[in-house]
Amino acid sequence: MSARNLYTWNKMLSGYAKMGMINPAKKLFDKMPEKDIVSWNTMVIAFARSGCCDEAVRFYRELRRQSIGYNEFSLPVHGQVLIAGFTPNVVISSSVLDAYAKFGEMGYSRRVFDDMSARDVLAWTTLVSGYAKWGDMHSASEMFDRMPEKNPVSWTALIAGYARNGLGYEALELFTKMMMLQIKPDQFTFSSCLCACASLASLKHGKQMHACLIRNNFRPNTIVVSSLIDMYSKCGSLEIGKWVFNLMGVKPDRTTFVVTLNACSHSGLVQEGLKLFNSMTCDHCIIPDQDHYACLVDILGRAGRFDELMEQLEKMPCKPGDRVLNALLGLCQIHGNIESGRKAAEHLIELEPRSSAAYLVEKLRKLMDERHFMKERAVSWIEIGKEVHAKFHCIR
């Protein structure tokens, strides 16, 4: 043959594999100057059909580590491993199950699960977590109830799913059952429950969750601390959030600062926000990134301090990214600052040619010409008794 290409290499590899000639196939695979998803699939299935379980698992895991186009279109091929008589191997079955779930192919994931002759708690939890991740809480709850054995990760997977899908009360109810059964929660359990409290704007439930942390002598990590701050700020108790930030004894990280700066912005605490922003580098040796500067833009912009805002942006160690420019453009639209909005839009269009920035600036000019503009719709929450009420309003 005068010239070889990937197609001809794969055809030869497939020929060896179909004839059960594993060693020649492996040698050919190692010699291939280029490999694609077909090459890897061929080897995984060949090893599985020949009963070489360890090699099939090793190649499958290596395939998942490689960035060679492993995607939703290649997933059905990996299911052939199970058809090849590999179903009894719980490790690889769970791995395929997890792969389908991560790509949202829950139909395939459930099919793999149903075909497994043996299922451990990991397989059950993976399926529950997959359903929850993609918003099918009915199926997630149904599978959770059917589990013959549950561990803290299983409980947390369903709690996190409820919290993520706006079912805060269900998340807290499940947490209560978990505690009654004396199943020890972990950092992710508490973080998910606090997110549920924040979504409900229920200070009462949030305080109960915080008290539970203290009663159990639970030392929170930065994720839980950030969730606590977020919960208190969204429930209108930023002072307690500040106390948590100062006294919880956990070294704050970039996420903690993003949450706290965001809380300062929405509570109108300009000086506190500026002090916190400056303390990042001075006291904690954390260099602010695009997310932190976007919060700073929001803090100063909401207060109408555009000159100070532009000075801060000029001090940025890098060029403003889309988060910062979008935040700036939005504030310019609200406050009618056409010149700053125009500059932000020009930079944003350079970064994102398809951005709606130009449209927003044109709309801003029109609104200002009419001397009449309206801020975006806002929502406030208030807890009365055992109920949380939402009030929608626009500011002219």
Foldseek 3Di string as FASTA:
>chain_A
DPDDDAVNLLVVLLVCLVVLVLVVSVVSLVPDPDDALSSLLSNLQSCLLNVVVVVNVVSVVVVVVDPRPPAPVSLVSLVVSVVSVCQAPAVSLLVSLLRCLVRLVLVVSVVSVVPRPDYDQSSLLSSLLSCLVVLNLVVSVVSLVVDPDYALSSLLSSLLSCLVNLNLVVSVVSVVVCVVVVHDHDQSSLLSNLSSLLSQLPVVSLVVSVVVCVVVVHQHEQSNLLSNCLSCLSNPNNVVNVVSVPPSPYQHDLSSLLSNLLSCLVVLVLVVNVVSLVCCCVPVNHQDDLSSLLSNLSNCLVVVNVVVNVVVQVPRPDHHDLSNLVSNLLSCLAVLVLVSLVVSLVVNCVRPVPDCSVVSSVVSVVCVVVVHDWHDKDWHWDDDDPHIDIDIDIDD
